[in-house]
């Protein structure tokens, strides 16, 4: 499952364009971000509240197995790091 701050209609359009079956949730009002430490608030910025790029792996029991919140929203997580964590949590 993915969570995005994009509007649900934008997510639906993206899914259709990509032929994606990935479950995507919209946190357009940014209500969930603070609970996960994934929101930046900066009064001097033109964008007062924005999402940090964040990665979470949560198992079927609801246990958080992996958290990575990037300081720079343009940074991406190395896919090998995510795959390693997923494999470790599956065993």
PDB file of N, CA and C in Angstrom:
ATOM      1  N   UNK A   1       0.846  -1.155   0.000  1.00  0.00           N
ATOM      2  CA  UNK A   1       0.000   0.000   0.000  1.00  0.00           C
ATOM      3  C   UNK A   1       0.899   1.228   0.000  1.00  0.00           C
ATOM      4  N   UNK A   2       0.466   2.246  -0.703  1.00  0.00           N
ATOM      5  CA  UNK A   2       1.185   3.509  -0.717  1.00  0.00           C
ATOM      6  C   UNK A   2       0.295   4.615  -0.196  1.00  0.00           C
ATOM      7  N   UNK A   3       0.902   5.609   0.419  1.00  0.00           N
ATOM      8  CA  UNK A   3       0.173   6.774   0.901  1.00  0.00           C
ATOM      9  C   UNK A   3       0.819   7.998   0.266  1.00  0.00           C
ATOM     10  N   UNK A   4      -0.012   8.883  -0.233  1.00  0.00           N
ATOM     11  CA  UNK A   4       0.473  10.075  -0.915  1.00  0.00           C
ATOM     12  C   UNK A   4      -0.335  11.282  -0.470  1.00  0.00           C
ATOM     13  N   UNK A   5       0.259  12.455  -0.579  1.00  0.00           N
ATOM     14  CA  UNK A   5      -0.488  13.676  -0.281  1.00  0.00           C
ATOM     15  C   UNK A   5      -1.202  14.203  -1.520  1.00  0.00           C
ATOM     16  N   UNK A   6      -1.078  13.494  -2.625  1.00  0.00           N
ATOM     17  CA  UNK A   6      -1.806  13.884  -3.832  1.00  0.00           C
ATOM     18  C   UNK A   6      -3.304  13.635  -3.635  1.00  0.00           C
ATOM     19  N   UNK A   7      -4.123  14.398  -4.328  1.00  0.00           N
ATOM     20  CA  UNK A   7      -5.576  14.244  -4.281  1.00  0.00           C
ATOM     21  C   UNK A   7      -5.948  12.855  -4.810  1.00  0.00           C
ATOM     22  N   UNK A   8      -7.009  12.272  -4.280  1.00  0.00           N
ATOM     23  CA  UNK A   8      -7.392  10.913  -4.680  1.00  0.00           C
ATOM     24  C   UNK A   8      -7.683  10.809  -6.181  1.00  0.00           C
ATOM     25  N   UNK A   9      -8.176  11.874  -6.785  1.00  0.00           N
ATOM     26  CA  UNK A   9      -8.425  11.824  -8.231  1.00  0.00           C
ATOM     27  C   UNK A   9      -7.116  11.795  -9.020  1.00  0.00           C
ATOM     28  N   UNK A  10      -6.101  12.494  -8.530  1.00  0.00           N
ATOM     29  CA  UNK A  10      -4.785  12.450  -9.174  1.00  0.00           C
ATOM     30  C   UNK A  10      -4.179  11.056  -9.036  1.00  0.00           C
ATOM     31  N   UNK A  11      -4.354  10.439  -7.871  1.00  0.00           N
ATOM     32  CA  UNK A  11      -3.842   9.080  -7.671  1.00  0.00           C
ATOM     33  C   UNK A  11      -4.549   8.090  -8.593  1.00  0.00           C
ATOM     34  N   UNK A  12      -5.857   8.237  -8.726  1.00  0.00           N
ATOM     35  CA  UNK A  12      -6.619   7.342  -9.606  1.00  0.00           C
ATOM     36  C   UNK A  12      -6.172   7.491 -11.054  1.00  0.00           C
ATOM     37  N   UNK A  13      -5.931   8.722 -11.478  1.00  0.00           N
ATOM     38  CA  UNK A  13      -5.468   8.957 -12.856  1.00  0.00           C
ATOM     39  C   UNK A  13      -4.088   8.349 -13.071  1.00  0.00           C
ATOM     40  N   UNK A  14      -3.213   8.499 -12.079  1.00  0.00           N
ATOM     41  CA  UNK A  14      -1.863   7.929 -12.182  1.00  0.00           C
ATOM     42  C   UNK A  14      -1.941   6.407 -12.262  1.00  0.00           C
ATOM     43  N   UNK A  15      -2.780   5.796 -11.400  1.00  0.00           N
ATOM     44  CA  UNK A  15      -2.935   4.342 -11.419  1.00  0.00           C
ATOM     45  C   UNK A  15      -3.421   3.862 -12.777  1.00  0.00           C
ATOM     46  N   UNK A  16      -4.382   4.556 -13.334  1.00  0.00           N
ATOM     47  CA  UNK A  16      -4.917   4.167 -14.639  1.00  0.00           C
ATOM     48  C   UNK A  16      -3.837   4.288 -15.711  1.00  0.00           C
ATOM     49  N   UNK A  17      -3.112   5.395 -15.691  1.00  0.00           N
ATOM     50  CA  UNK A  17      -2.055   5.625 -16.681  1.00  0.00           C
ATOM     51  C   UNK A  17      -0.962   4.561 -16.592  1.00  0.00           C
ATOM     52  N   UNK A  18      -0.643   4.132 -15.368  1.00  0.00           N
ATOM     53  CA  UNK A  18       0.425   3.158 -15.147  1.00  0.00           C
ATOM     54  C   UNK A  18      -0.074   1.711 -15.153  1.00  0.00           C
ATOM     55  N   UNK A  19      -1.378   1.517 -15.277  1.00  0.00           N
ATOM     56  CA  UNK A  19      -1.994   0.185 -15.159  1.00  0.00           C
ATOM     57  C   UNK A  19      -1.575  -0.478 -13.847  1.00  0.00           C
ATOM     58  N   UNK A  20      -1.585   0.312 -12.788  1.00  0.00           N
ATOM     59  CA  UNK A  20      -1.135  -0.157 -11.478  1.00  0.00           C
ATOM     60  C   UNK A  20      -2.305  -0.690 -10.664  1.00  0.00           C
ATOM     61  N   UNK A  21      -2.077  -1.793  -9.979  1.00  0.00           N
ATOM     62  CA  UNK A  21      -3.072  -2.357  -9.079  1.00  0.00           C
ATOM     63  C   UNK A  21      -2.687  -2.087  -7.618  1.00  0.00           C
ATOM     64  N   UNK A  22      -1.627  -1.323  -7.426  1.00  0.00           N
ATOM     65  CA  UNK A  22      -1.144  -0.964  -6.089  1.00  0.00           C
ATOM     66  C   UNK A  22      -2.207  -0.150  -5.352  1.00  0.00           C
ATOM     67  N   UNK A  23      -2.498  -0.524  -4.110  1.00  0.00           N
ATOM     68  CA  UNK A  23      -3.443   0.228  -3.294  1.00  0.00           C
ATOM     69  C   UNK A  23      -2.790   1.543  -2.883  1.00  0.00           C
ATOM     70  N   UNK A  24      -3.437   2.648  -3.191  1.00  0.00           N
ATOM     71  CA  UNK A  24      -2.922   3.970  -2.838  1.00  0.00           C
ATOM     72  C   UNK A  24      -3.962   4.725  -2.020  1.00  0.00           C
ATOM     73  N   UNK A  25      -3.511   5.321  -0.944  1.00  0.00           N
ATOM     74  CA  UNK A  25      -4.378   6.128  -0.093  1.00  0.00           C
ATOM     75  C   UNK A  25      -3.946   7.582  -0.184  1.00  0.00           C
ATOM     76  N   UNK A  26      -4.905   8.478  -0.148  1.00  0.00           N
ATOM     77  CA  UNK A  26      -4.611   9.904  -0.203  1.00  0.00           C
ATOM     78  C   UNK A  26      -4.684  10.516   1.194  1.00  0.00           C
ATOM     79  N   UNK A  27      -3.604  11.170   1.596  1.00  0.00           N
ATOM     80  CA  UNK A  27      -3.579  11.950   2.834  1.00  0.00           C
ATOM     81  C   UNK A  27      -3.515  13.426   2.438  1.00  0.00           C
ATOM     82  N   UNK A  28      -4.453  13.813   1.597  1.00  0.00           N
ATOM     83  CA  UNK A  28      -4.476  15.151   1.010  1.00  0.00           C
ATOM     84  C   UNK A  28      -4.500  16.253   2.071  1.00  0.00           C
ATOM     85  N   UNK A  29      -5.183  15.999   3.172  1.00  0.00           N
ATOM     86  CA  UNK A  29      -5.274  17.004   4.246  1.00  0.00           C
ATOM     87  C   UNK A  29      -4.115  16.916   5.227  1.00  0.00           C
ATOM     88  N   UNK A  30      -3.203  16.003   4.963  1.00  0.00           N
ATOM     89  CA  UNK A  30      -1.982  15.834   5.765  1.00  0.00           C
ATOM     90  C   UNK A  30      -2.303  15.586   7.243  1.00  0.00           C
ATOM     91  N   UNK A  31      -3.216  14.648   7.478  1.00  0.00           N
ATOM     92  CA  UNK A  31      -3.603  14.304   8.842  1.00  0.00           C
ATOM     93  C   UNK A  31      -2.780  13.149   9.397  1.00  0.00           C
ATOM     94  N   UNK A  32      -2.292  12.288   8.530  1.00  0.00           N
ATOM     95  CA  UNK A  32      -1.540  11.115   8.959  1.00  0.00           C
ATOM     96  C   UNK A  32      -0.040  11.398   9.072  1.00  0.00           C
ATOM     97  N   UNK A  33       0.453  12.312   8.271  1.00  0.00           N
ATOM     98  CA  UNK A  33       1.893  12.587   8.209  1.00  0.00           C
ATOM     99  C   UNK A  33       2.542  12.871   9.562  1.00  0.00           C
ATOM    100  N   UNK A  34       1.971  13.745  10.402  1.00  0.00           N
ATOM    101  CA  UNK A  34       2.634  14.046  11.669  1.00  0.00           C
ATOM    102  C   UNK A  34       2.810  12.824  12.567  1.00  0.00           C
ATOM    103  N   UNK A  35       1.850  11.910  12.549  1.00  0.00           N
ATOM    104  CA  UNK A  35       1.931  10.713  13.388  1.00  0.00           C
ATOM    105  C   UNK A  35       3.130   9.846  13.036  1.00  0.00           C
ATOM    106  N   UNK A  36       3.588   9.939  11.796  1.00  0.00           N
ATOM    107  CA  UNK A  36       4.718   9.141  11.336  1.00  0.00           C
ATOM    108  C   UNK A  36       5.997   9.966  11.194  1.00  0.00           C
ATOM    109  N   UNK A  37       5.978  11.206  11.655  1.00  0.00           N
ATOM    110  CA  UNK A  37       7.162  12.047  11.560  1.00  0.00           C
ATOM    111  C   UNK A  37       7.541  12.382  10.133  1.00  0.00           C
ATOM    112  N   UNK A  38       6.552  12.430   9.260  1.00  0.00           N
ATOM    113  CA  UNK A  38       6.831  12.614   7.833  1.00  0.00           C
ATOM    114  C   UNK A  38       6.311  13.945   7.295  1.00  0.00           C
ATOM    115  N   UNK A  39       6.134  14.930   8.187  1.00  0.00           N
ATOM    116  CA  UNK A  39       5.677  16.229   7.705  1.00  0.00           C
ATOM    117  C   UNK A  39       6.660  17.308   8.138  1.00  0.00           C
ATOM    118  N   UNK A  40       6.974  18.171   7.219  1.00  0.00           N
ATOM    119  CA  UNK A  40       7.852  19.309   7.494  1.00  0.00           C
ATOM    120  C   UNK A  40       6.992  20.562   7.565  1.00  0.00           C
ATOM    121  N   UNK A  41       7.169  21.342   8.606  1.00  0.00           N
ATOM    122  CA  UNK A  41       6.464  22.609   8.739  1.00  0.00           C
ATOM    123  C   UNK A  41       7.504  23.716   8.786  1.00  0.00           C
ATOM    124  N   UNK A  42       7.370  24.681   7.892  1.00  0.00           N
ATOM    125  CA  UNK A  42       8.334  25.766   7.809  1.00  0.00           C
ATOM    126  C   UNK A  42       7.573  27.052   7.494  1.00  0.00           C
ATOM    127  N   UNK A  43       7.434  27.906   8.497  1.00  0.00           N
ATOM    128  CA  UNK A  43       6.648  29.132   8.320  1.00  0.00           C
ATOM    129  C   UNK A  43       7.251  30.084   7.294  1.00  0.00           C
ATOM    130  N   UNK A  44       8.564  30.005   7.068  1.00  0.00           N
ATOM    131  CA  UNK A  44       9.197  30.919   6.115  1.00  0.00           C
ATOM    132  C   UNK A  44       9.168  30.387   4.681  1.00  0.00           C
ATOM    133  N   UNK A  45       8.705  29.156   4.527  1.00  0.00           N
ATOM    134  CA  UNK A  45       8.659  28.538   3.200  1.00  0.00           C
ATOM    135  C   UNK A  45       7.358  28.899   2.487  1.00  0.00           C
ATOM    136  N   UNK A  46       7.402  29.037   1.155  1.00  0.00           N
ATOM    137  CA  UNK A  46       6.156  29.265   0.415  1.00  0.00           C
ATOM    138  C   UNK A  46       5.172  28.104   0.574  1.00  0.00           C
ATOM    139  N   UNK A  47       5.711  26.925   0.805  1.00  0.00           N
ATOM    140  CA  UNK A  47       4.875  25.752   1.083  1.00  0.00           C
ATOM    141  C   UNK A  47       5.004  25.493   2.576  1.00  0.00           C
ATOM    142  N   UNK A  48       4.003  25.914   3.341  1.00  0.00           N
ATOM    143  CA  UNK A  48       4.065  25.880   4.803  1.00  0.00           C
ATOM    144  C   UNK A  48       4.209  24.464   5.357  1.00  0.00           C
ATOM    145  N   UNK A  49       3.405  23.530   4.841  1.00  0.00           N
ATOM    146  CA  UNK A  49       3.454  22.137   5.312  1.00  0.00           C
ATOM    147  C   UNK A  49       3.649  21.235   4.109  1.00  0.00           C
ATOM    148  N   UNK A  50       4.684  20.436   4.141  1.00  0.00           N
ATOM    149  CA  UNK A  50       4.883  19.509   3.030  1.00  0.00           C
ATOM    150  C   UNK A  50       5.359  18.159   3.548  1.00  0.00           C
ATOM    151  N   UNK A  51       5.126  17.155   2.735  1.00  0.00           N
ATOM    152  CA  UNK A  51       5.474  15.787   3.111  1.00  0.00           C
ATOM    153  C   UNK A  51       6.942  15.525   2.852  1.00  0.00           C
ATOM    154  N   UNK A  52       7.551  14.849   3.809  1.00  0.00           N
ATOM    155  CA  UNK A  52       8.887  14.320   3.580  1.00  0.00           C
ATOM    156  C   UNK A  52       8.713  12.987   2.861  1.00  0.00           C
ATOM    157  N   UNK A  53       9.684  12.613   2.052  1.00  0.00           N
ATOM    158  CA  UNK A  53       9.629  11.290   1.432  1.00  0.00           C
ATOM    159  C   UNK A  53       9.943  10.282   2.539  1.00  0.00           C
ATOM    160  N   UNK A  54       9.035   9.356   2.752  1.00  0.00           N
ATOM    161  CA  UNK A  54       9.195   8.407   3.851  1.00  0.00           C
ATOM    162  C   UNK A  54       8.822   7.004   3.401  1.00  0.00           C
ATOM    163  N   UNK A  55       9.480   6.039   4.003  1.00  0.00           N
ATOM    164  CA  UNK A  55       9.254   4.629   3.688  1.00  0.00           C
ATOM    165  C   UNK A  55       8.983   3.890   4.993  1.00  0.00           C
ATOM    166  N   UNK A  56       7.926   3.102   5.002  1.00  0.00           N
ATOM    167  CA  UNK A  56       7.575   2.296   6.164  1.00  0.00           C
ATOM    168  C   UNK A  56       7.243   0.896   5.679  1.00  0.00           C
ATOM    169  N   UNK A  57       7.707  -0.093   6.409  1.00  0.00           N
ATOM    170  CA  UNK A  57       7.282  -1.468   6.162  1.00  0.00           C
ATOM    171  C   UNK A  57       6.594  -1.925   7.437  1.00  0.00           C
ATOM    172  N   UNK A  58       5.331  -2.302   7.283  1.00  0.00           N
ATOM    173  CA  UNK A  58       4.511  -2.724   8.412  1.00  0.00           C
ATOM    174  C   UNK A  58       4.010  -4.127   8.106  1.00  0.00           C
ATOM    175  N   UNK A  59       4.217  -5.047   9.046  1.00  0.00           N
ATOM    176  CA  UNK A  59       3.814  -6.430   8.775  1.00  0.00           C
ATOM    177  C   UNK A  59       2.315  -6.619   8.985  1.00  0.00           C
ATOM    178  N   UNK A  60       1.853  -7.838   8.773  1.00  0.00           N
ATOM    179  CA  UNK A  60       0.417  -8.139   8.838  1.00  0.00           C
ATOM    180  C   UNK A  60      -0.172  -7.928  10.226  1.00  0.00           C
ATOM    181  N   UNK A  61       0.672  -7.960  11.262  1.00  0.00           N
ATOM    182  CA  UNK A  61       0.174  -7.756  12.622  1.00  0.00           C
ATOM    183  C   UNK A  61       0.161  -6.280  13.013  1.00  0.00           C
ATOM    184  N   UNK A  62       0.647  -5.422  12.110  1.00  0.00           N
ATOM    185  CA  UNK A  62       0.684  -3.991  12.390  1.00  0.00           C
ATOM    186  C   UNK A  62       1.983  -3.521  13.013  1.00  0.00           C
ATOM    187  N   UNK A  63       2.964  -4.419  13.109  1.00  0.00           N
ATOM    188  CA  UNK A  63       4.263  -4.060  13.666  1.00  0.00           C
ATOM    189  C   UNK A  63       5.103  -3.350  12.611  1.00  0.00           C
ATOM    190  N   UNK A  64       5.626  -2.196  12.971  1.00  0.00           N
ATOM    191  CA  UNK A  64       6.486  -1.448  12.054  1.00  0.00           C
ATOM    192  C   UNK A  64       7.852  -2.128  12.031  1.00  0.00           C
ATOM    193  N   UNK A  65       8.251  -2.594  10.856  1.00  0.00           N
ATOM    194  CA  UNK A  65       9.510  -3.315  10.692  1.00  0.00           C
ATOM    195  C   UNK A  65      10.631  -2.437  10.151  1.00  0.00           C
ATOM    196  N   UNK A  66      10.256  -1.339   9.509  1.00  0.00           N
ATOM    197  CA  UNK A  66      11.265  -0.496   8.868  1.00  0.00           C
ATOM    198  C   UNK A  66      10.723   0.916   8.737  1.00  0.00           C
ATOM    199  N   UNK A  67      11.566   1.893   9.060  1.00  0.00           N
ATOM    200  CA  UNK A  67      11.203   3.302   8.898  1.00  0.00           C
ATOM    201  C   UNK A  67      12.404   4.043   8.334  1.00  0.00           C
ATOM    202  N   UNK A  68      12.173   4.816   7.321  1.00  0.00           N
ATOM    203  CA  UNK A  68      13.219   5.689   6.768  1.00  0.00           C
ATOM    204  C   UNK A  68      12.524   6.956   6.289  1.00  0.00           C
ATOM    205  N   UNK A  69      12.828   8.073   6.949  1.00  0.00           N
ATOM    206  CA  UNK A  69      12.278   9.367   6.560  1.00  0.00           C
ATOM    207  C   UNK A  69      13.433  10.189   6.004  1.00  0.00           C
ATOM    208  N   UNK A  70      13.301  10.594   4.764  1.00  0.00           N
ATOM    209  CA  UNK A  70      14.370  11.331   4.094  1.00  0.00           C
ATOM    210  C   UNK A  70      14.269  12.819   4.437  1.00  0.00           C
ATOM    211  N   UNK A  71      15.409  13.457   4.683  1.00  0.00           N
ATOM    212  CA  UNK A  71      15.415  14.895   4.959  1.00  0.00           C
ATOM    213  C   UNK A  71      15.109  15.708   3.708  1.00  0.00           C
ATOM    214  N   UNK A  72      15.590  15.241   2.581  1.00  0.00           N
ATOM    215  CA  UNK A  72      15.370  15.927   1.313  1.00  0.00           C
ATOM    216  C   UNK A  72      14.291  15.171   0.541  1.00  0.00           C
ATOM    217  N   UNK A  73      13.165  15.808   0.211  1.00  0.00           N
ATOM    218  CA  UNK A  73      12.088  15.097  -0.487  1.00  0.00           C
ATOM    219  C   UNK A  73      12.468  14.618  -1.888  1.00  0.00           C
ATOM    220  N   UNK A  74      13.591  15.079  -2.406  1.00  0.00           N
ATOM    221  CA  UNK A  74      14.038  14.624  -3.726  1.00  0.00           C
ATOM    222  C   UNK A  74      14.877  13.352  -3.647  1.00  0.00           C
ATOM    223  N   UNK A  75      15.337  13.009  -2.437  1.00  0.00           N
ATOM    224  CA  UNK A  75      16.131  11.789  -2.265  1.00  0.00           C
ATOM    225  C   UNK A  75      15.237  10.559  -2.354  1.00  0.00           C
ATOM    226  N   UNK A  76      15.774   9.516  -2.931  1.00  0.00           N
ATOM    227  CA  UNK A  76      15.064   8.239  -3.026  1.00  0.00           C
ATOM    228  C   UNK A  76      15.816   7.186  -2.232  1.00  0.00           C
ATOM    229  N   UNK A  77      15.086   6.246  -1.699  1.00  0.00           N
ATOM    230  CA  UNK A  77      15.687   5.142  -0.974  1.00  0.00           C
ATOM    231  C   UNK A  77      16.212   4.119  -1.961  1.00  0.00           C
ATOM    232  N   UNK A  78      17.334   3.525  -1.642  1.00  0.00           N
ATOM    233  CA  UNK A  78      17.907   2.472  -2.475  1.00  0.00           C
ATOM    234  C   UNK A  78      16.966   1.260  -2.437  1.00  0.00           C
ATOM    235  N   UNK A  79      16.445   0.826  -3.587  1.00  0.00           N
ATOM    236  CA  UNK A  79      15.518  -0.319  -3.608  1.00  0.00           C
ATOM    237  C   UNK A  79      16.106  -1.575  -2.959  1.00  0.00           C
ATOM    238  N   UNK A  80      17.416  -1.755  -3.041  1.00  0.00           N
ATOM    239  CA  UNK A  80      18.050  -2.929  -2.432  1.00  0.00           C
ATOM    240  C   UNK A  80      17.873  -2.911  -0.917  1.00  0.00           C
ATOM    241  N   UNK A  81      17.889  -1.721  -0.322  1.00  0.00           N
ATOM    242  CA  UNK A  81      17.700  -1.602   1.121  1.00  0.00           C
ATOM    243  C   UNK A  81      16.285  -2.021   1.515  1.00  0.00           C
ATOM    244  N   UNK A  82      15.303  -1.621   0.726  1.00  0.00           N
ATOM    245  CA  UNK A  82      13.915  -2.002   0.992  1.00  0.00           C
ATOM    246  C   UNK A  82      13.737  -3.504   0.815  1.00  0.00           C
ATOM    247  N   UNK A  83      14.255  -4.048  -0.275  1.00  0.00           N
ATOM    248  CA  UNK A  83      14.130  -5.477  -0.553  1.00  0.00           C
ATOM    249  C   UNK A  83      14.767  -6.312   0.552  1.00  0.00           C
ATOM    250  N   UNK A  84      15.922  -5.898   1.024  1.00  0.00           N
ATOM    251  CA  UNK A  84      16.611  -6.605   2.107  1.00  0.00           C
ATOM    252  C   UNK A  84      15.731  -6.635   3.361  1.00  0.00           C
ATOM    253  N   UNK A  85      15.094  -5.517   3.671  1.00  0.00           N
ATOM    254  CA  UNK A  85      14.229  -5.435   4.844  1.00  0.00           C
ATOM    255  C   UNK A  85      12.983  -6.298   4.680  1.00  0.00           C
ATOM    256  N   UNK A  86      12.383  -6.266   3.500  1.00  0.00           N
ATOM    257  CA  UNK A  86      11.190  -7.080   3.240  1.00  0.00           C
ATOM    258  C   UNK A  86      11.523  -8.558   3.387  1.00  0.00           C
ATOM    259  N   UNK A  87      12.633  -8.985   2.814  1.00  0.00           N
ATOM    260  CA  UNK A  87      13.031 -10.397   2.909  1.00  0.00           C
ATOM    261  C   UNK A  87      13.304 -10.793   4.352  1.00  0.00           C
ATOM    262  N   UNK A  88      13.949  -9.924   5.110  1.00  0.00           N
ATOM    263  CA  UNK A  88      14.261 -10.227   6.507  1.00  0.00           C
ATOM    264  C   UNK A  88      12.992 -10.325   7.349  1.00  0.00           C
ATOM    265  N   UNK A  89      12.014  -9.473   7.077  1.00  0.00           N
ATOM    266  CA  UNK A  89      10.785  -9.501   7.872  1.00  0.00           C
ATOM    267  C   UNK A  89       9.882 -10.668   7.491  1.00  0.00           C
ATOM    268  N   UNK A  90      10.087 -11.221   6.302  1.00  0.00           N
ATOM    269  CA  UNK A  90       9.276 -12.357   5.851  1.00  0.00           C
ATOM    270  C   UNK A  90       9.751 -13.671   6.462  1.00  0.00           C
ATOM    271  N   UNK A  91      10.980 -13.686   6.944  1.00  0.00           N
ATOM    272  CA  UNK A  91      11.510 -14.953   7.490  1.00  0.00           C
ATOM    273  C   UNK A  91      11.359 -15.037   8.984  1.00  0.00           C
TER     274      UNK A  91
END
